[in-house]
C-alpha cells in the first residue's frame, strides 16, 4: 500500500511573524480563513492520506476562535482527526504592552487528520526550559509528542523545543525513548533543528530531514522539519519540501511511501 504523509507547522494561520516578533499586529478573521483555505488546497492537491500538523489553534483569541483542525479536516475531506492541546491559558500577555496586540486566551497544540480512522495511543507534554523563571514557564507553551495509529501505521506527531538548546536535547532523548517504548513506525513534525539519533536508535531507525530548508518561508535557510522512519517498514517513493509561499512561516514536507508487505 502506498501512503502519502505531509507534515506542516502551520503557525496558527498567521504566517511570518507568528511568534510575536517585531512588527506583529493582529489580523482579521478573513486572513485566517484565507490562509487555512490555501493550506487545505495544498493538502488536497498532494492527495495526502495523513497530515501531521503543529501550531494549530483550537479556539484562540489571536485567530478569532476558529477551530483550525476541524476547518482543515472538513475542507480537505480527511474527516478523522485527533488533537493534542499543549498550550491552554486563559490569557497570555504577549507580545508587547498593548492589550489589543496581546495573544489573550490561547488553546493551541498539534493535530492529525487522516483518511483512515485514528486510534490515540499516548501523548506527552515535554519539559519546559529549566532556565526560564516559573512565571515565564507558566505562560510558555508546552512541546509535545502525540502518538496514534492510523492506516495500520504508528505515527508520532511532534513539536520540539525551539529556543533552549539544552531543553531541545532533552526532548530529543525523550523522543528516542518513545520510539522504542511504543514501537513507532513514523515520527514527523517540527524538530526545530537537525534530527539527532543515538547509535542505538540508528540500528532500528533512520532520519530523513526535509531535502530543502523549511524555515523561514521567506528566503528559507534552516531545515527544521522532517521524519524518522523505522527501518524495513517502508520504501520511500518521494520526499520533498513544498514551496507554499508565506501562508505559514514553515514550508511543509511531503513524503510518499510504499509500505512493506510484512511489518517487523
Protein backbone atom coordinates (compact mmCIF):
# COMPACT_ATOMS: atom_id res chain seq x y z
CA UNK A 1 0.00 0.00 0.00
CA UNK A 2 1.23 3.48 -0.85
CA UNK A 3 0.84 6.15 1.82
CA UNK A 4 1.16 9.90 1.38
CA UNK A 5 2.11 11.82 4.52
CA UNK A 6 2.51 15.56 4.96
CA UNK A 7 3.96 17.39 7.97
CA UNK A 8 3.33 21.11 8.41
CA UNK A 9 3.84 23.68 11.14
CA UNK A 10 1.00 25.99 10.13
CA UNK A 11 1.91 28.85 12.51
CA UNK A 12 -1.79 29.06 13.51
CA UNK A 13 -2.56 30.58 10.12
CA UNK A 14 -0.81 33.85 10.89
CA UNK A 15 2.22 33.42 8.60
CA UNK A 16 5.56 35.16 9.04
CA UNK A 17 5.91 36.80 12.45
CA UNK A 18 3.60 34.35 14.20
CA UNK A 19 5.97 34.11 17.16
CA UNK A 20 5.24 37.73 18.02
CA UNK A 21 8.40 39.17 16.50
CA UNK A 22 8.88 42.85 15.71
CA UNK A 23 6.08 44.24 13.62
CA UNK A 24 3.49 41.79 14.95
CA UNK A 25 -0.07 43.04 14.81
CA UNK A 26 -3.46 41.31 14.97
CA UNK A 27 -5.03 40.20 11.69
CA UNK A 28 -8.72 39.96 10.75
CA UNK A 29 -10.59 36.66 10.66
CA UNK A 30 -10.62 36.83 6.85
CA UNK A 31 -6.81 36.48 6.89
CA UNK A 32 -7.01 33.18 8.79
CA UNK A 33 -9.86 31.83 6.70
CA UNK A 34 -7.89 32.61 3.54
CA UNK A 35 -4.68 31.05 4.90
CA UNK A 36 -6.43 27.87 6.06
CA UNK A 37 -8.22 27.57 2.72
CA UNK A 38 -4.88 27.77 0.88
CA UNK A 39 -3.38 25.16 3.21
CA UNK A 40 -6.31 22.85 2.55
CA UNK A 41 -5.82 23.29 -1.20
CA UNK A 42 -2.17 22.23 -0.89
CA UNK A 43 -3.08 19.19 1.20
CA UNK A 44 -5.76 18.17 -1.29
CA UNK A 45 -3.51 18.76 -4.31
CA UNK A 46 -0.88 16.45 -2.81
CA UNK A 47 -3.61 13.85 -2.17
CA UNK A 48 -2.28 13.37 1.36
CA UNK A 49 -3.62 10.44 3.39
CA UNK A 50 -2.26 11.54 6.78
CA UNK A 51 -1.29 15.08 7.81
CA UNK A 52 0.77 15.88 10.91
CA UNK A 53 0.15 19.47 12.00
CA UNK A 54 1.89 21.70 14.52
CA UNK A 55 0.90 25.12 15.93
CA UNK A 56 -2.81 24.60 15.42
CA UNK A 57 -5.31 26.81 17.26
CA UNK A 58 -8.38 25.17 18.79
CA UNK A 59 -10.25 28.31 19.71
CA UNK A 60 -7.80 31.12 20.49
CA UNK A 61 -8.47 34.85 20.60
CA UNK A 62 -5.47 35.58 18.35
CA UNK A 63 -7.06 33.57 15.49
CA UNK A 64 -10.66 34.68 16.18
CA UNK A 65 -11.58 31.41 17.93
CA UNK A 66 -11.52 29.44 14.69
CA UNK A 67 -11.33 25.67 15.24
CA UNK A 68 -8.48 25.23 12.79
CA UNK A 69 -8.15 21.44 12.93
CA UNK A 70 -11.85 20.99 12.26
CA UNK A 71 -11.70 23.53 9.44
CA UNK A 72 -8.82 21.76 7.68
CA UNK A 73 -10.31 18.32 8.26
CA UNK A 74 -13.61 19.23 6.63
CA UNK A 75 -12.08 21.31 3.82
CA UNK A 76 -9.63 18.51 2.90
CA UNK A 77 -12.12 15.69 3.26
CA UNK A 78 -9.80 13.98 5.77
CA UNK A 79 -12.55 13.53 8.31
CA UNK A 80 -10.73 11.58 11.00
CA UNK A 81 -8.88 13.87 13.36
CA UNK A 82 -7.10 13.88 16.69
CA UNK A 83 -5.84 16.91 18.61
CA UNK A 84 -3.21 17.41 21.27
CA UNK A 85 -3.72 20.57 23.35
CA UNK A 86 -0.32 21.66 24.61
CA UNK A 87 -0.99 25.33 25.41
CA UNK A 88 -4.15 26.22 27.27
CA UNK A 89 -4.08 29.58 29.04
CA UNK A 90 -6.87 31.99 29.95
CA UNK A 91 -4.67 34.94 29.00
CA UNK A 92 -1.17 35.30 27.51
CA UNK A 93 0.14 38.89 27.90
CA UNK A 94 2.39 38.66 24.85
CA UNK A 95 3.72 40.27 22.68
CA UNK A 96 4.20 43.84 23.79
CA UNK A 97 2.36 46.01 26.26
CA UNK A 98 -0.73 46.87 24.18
CA UNK A 99 -3.62 44.65 25.30
CA UNK A 100 -5.10 44.88 21.80
CA UNK A 101 -1.94 43.24 20.40
CA UNK A 102 -1.59 40.51 23.02
CA UNK A 103 -2.50 36.89 22.29
CA UNK A 104 -5.08 36.74 25.08
CA UNK A 105 -6.85 33.40 25.54
CA UNK A 106 -4.86 30.55 23.98
CA UNK A 107 -5.86 26.98 23.18
CA UNK A 108 -3.32 25.50 20.82
CA UNK A 109 -1.15 22.48 20.06
CA UNK A 110 -0.81 19.71 17.50
CA UNK A 111 -3.26 17.77 15.38
CA UNK A 112 -3.51 14.88 12.97
CA UNK A 113 -6.04 14.50 10.17
CA UNK A 114 -6.37 11.26 8.25
CA UNK A 115 -8.26 9.44 5.55
CA UNK A 116 -8.48 6.49 7.94
CA UNK A 117 -9.78 6.04 11.50
CA UNK A 118 -7.35 7.29 14.15
CA UNK A 119 -6.70 5.43 17.39
CA UNK A 120 -4.91 7.55 20.03
CA UNK A 121 -2.19 5.64 21.86
CA UNK A 122 -0.18 8.07 24.00
CA UNK A 123 0.56 11.76 24.36
CA UNK A 124 3.15 13.59 26.38
CA UNK A 125 3.91 17.20 27.21
CA UNK A 126 7.66 17.68 27.19
CA UNK A 127 9.58 19.57 29.90
CA UNK A 128 9.78 23.35 29.70
CA UNK A 129 13.21 25.06 29.81
CA UNK A 130 14.65 24.96 33.32
CA UNK A 131 16.46 28.25 32.77
CA UNK A 132 13.13 30.09 32.43
CA UNK A 133 11.53 31.60 35.51
CA UNK A 134 8.50 29.84 36.97
CA UNK A 135 6.29 32.77 35.96
CA UNK A 136 7.59 32.73 32.38
CA UNK A 137 7.03 28.98 32.10
CA UNK A 138 3.51 29.42 33.45
CA UNK A 139 2.64 31.25 30.23
CA UNK A 140 5.07 29.34 27.97
CA UNK A 141 3.74 26.70 25.60
CA UNK A 142 4.48 23.01 26.14
CA UNK A 143 6.12 20.99 23.40
CA UNK A 144 4.71 17.53 22.86
CA UNK A 145 4.70 14.04 21.39
CA UNK A 146 1.36 12.79 20.00
CA UNK A 147 1.25 9.07 19.20
CA UNK A 148 -1.61 7.49 17.27
CA UNK A 149 -2.29 4.58 14.94
CA UNK A 150 -3.93 5.12 11.58
CA UNK A 151 -3.76 3.19 8.29
CA UNK A 152 -2.05 0.38 10.21
CA UNK A 153 0.91 2.64 10.99
CA UNK A 154 2.00 4.05 14.34
CA UNK A 155 2.69 7.76 13.95
CA UNK A 156 4.27 10.27 16.28
CA UNK A 157 3.43 13.91 15.61
CA UNK A 158 5.98 16.11 17.37
CA UNK A 159 6.98 19.67 18.13
CA UNK A 160 10.31 20.05 19.95
CA UNK A 161 11.92 22.96 21.79
CA UNK A 162 12.97 25.95 19.68
CA UNK A 163 14.75 28.40 21.96
CA UNK A 164 16.69 26.42 24.58
CA UNK A 165 19.43 24.10 23.18
CA UNK A 166 19.63 22.16 26.46
CA UNK A 167 15.89 21.62 26.58
CA UNK A 168 15.81 20.60 22.92
CA UNK A 169 18.47 17.97 23.63
CA UNK A 170 16.30 16.63 26.44
CA UNK A 171 13.33 16.48 24.07
CA UNK A 172 15.41 14.51 21.58
CA UNK A 173 16.19 11.95 24.28
CA UNK A 174 12.51 11.71 25.26
CA UNK A 175 11.54 11.21 21.63
CA UNK A 176 14.06 8.42 21.09
CA UNK A 177 12.83 6.63 24.21
CA UNK A 178 9.25 6.79 22.96
CA UNK A 179 10.20 5.44 19.54
CA UNK A 180 11.20 2.23 21.27
CA UNK A 181 8.57 2.25 24.04
CA UNK A 182 5.67 2.47 21.58
CA UNK A 183 7.21 0.78 18.53
CA UNK A 184 6.59 3.86 16.40
CA UNK A 185 6.83 3.35 12.65
CA UNK A 186 6.94 7.00 11.56
CA UNK A 187 7.67 10.16 13.54
CA UNK A 188 7.36 13.55 11.91
CA UNK A 189 6.98 17.21 12.64
CA UNK A 190 8.90 20.29 13.66
CA UNK A 191 12.21 19.21 15.22
CA UNK A 192 13.35 22.85 15.47
CA UNK A 193 16.81 21.73 14.38
CA UNK A 194 18.65 18.76 12.96
CA UNK A 195 17.34 15.27 13.65
CA UNK A 196 19.81 13.66 16.02
CA UNK A 197 19.66 9.93 16.75
CA UNK A 198 21.90 7.87 19.00
CA UNK A 199 23.86 4.93 17.62
CA UNK A 200 21.50 2.57 19.41
CA UNK A 201 18.44 4.14 17.80
CA UNK A 202 20.13 4.18 14.38
CA UNK A 203 20.14 0.40 14.47
CA UNK A 204 16.34 0.49 14.12
CA UNK A 205 15.50 3.93 12.73
CA UNK A 206 16.67 6.35 10.05
CA UNK A 207 16.33 10.12 9.89
CA UNK A 208 15.03 11.92 6.81
CA UNK A 209 15.25 15.68 7.09
CA UNK A 210 13.45 17.81 4.52
CA UNK A 211 15.58 17.94 1.35
CA UNK A 212 15.40 21.75 1.20
CA UNK A 213 15.20 24.34 4.02
CA UNK A 214 11.77 24.72 5.59
CA UNK A 215 12.16 27.92 7.65
CA UNK A 216 11.55 30.79 7.35
CA UNK A 217 9.15 30.65 4.42
CA UNK A 218 10.69 33.86 3.04
CA UNK A 219 14.27 33.10 1.94
CA UNK A 220 14.37 29.79 3.82
CA UNK A 221 17.76 28.92 5.33
CA UNK A 222 17.02 26.36 8.07
CA UNK A 223 15.89 22.76 7.83
CA UNK A 224 13.75 22.30 10.93
CA UNK A 225 11.23 19.70 9.75
CA UNK A 226 11.37 16.08 8.67
CA UNK A 227 10.70 12.46 9.52
CA UNK A 228 12.11 9.44 11.34
CA UNK A 229 11.25 6.04 9.82
CA UNK A 230 11.56 2.57 11.27
CA UNK A 231 13.88 0.53 9.09
CA UNK A 232 12.46 -2.19 6.83
CA UNK A 233 8.93 -0.83 7.06
CA UNK A 234 8.80 1.50 4.10
CA UNK A 235 10.28 2.25 0.75
CA UNK A 236 10.49 5.99 0.07
CA UNK A 237 8.98 6.93 -3.27
CA UNK A 238 9.44 10.67 -2.86
CA UNK A 239 10.41 13.17 -0.18
CA UNK A 240 10.18 16.88 -0.89
CA UNK A 241 9.83 20.32 0.61
CA UNK A 242 6.83 22.16 -0.78
CA UNK A 243 7.16 25.84 -1.58
CA UNK A 244 3.84 27.09 -0.26
CA UNK A 245 4.79 30.76 -0.03
CA UNK A 246 4.31 32.70 3.21
CA UNK A 247 0.95 31.17 4.17
CA UNK A 248 2.88 29.82 7.20
CA UNK A 249 6.36 30.61 8.46
CA UNK A 250 7.32 26.97 7.69
CA UNK A 251 7.19 25.04 4.44
CA UNK A 252 5.54 21.63 4.69
CA UNK A 253 7.37 18.37 3.99
CA UNK A 254 5.73 15.70 1.83
CA UNK A 255 6.58 12.00 1.99
CA UNK A 256 5.22 9.25 -0.23
CA UNK A 257 5.89 5.72 0.96
CA UNK A 258 5.33 2.17 -0.08
CA UNK A 259 4.56 0.05 2.96
CA UNK A 260 6.44 -3.18 3.48
CA UNK A 261 4.32 -6.27 2.99
CA UNK A 262 5.31 -7.51 6.43
CA UNK A 263 5.79 -5.03 9.25
CA UNK A 264 8.55 -6.12 11.58
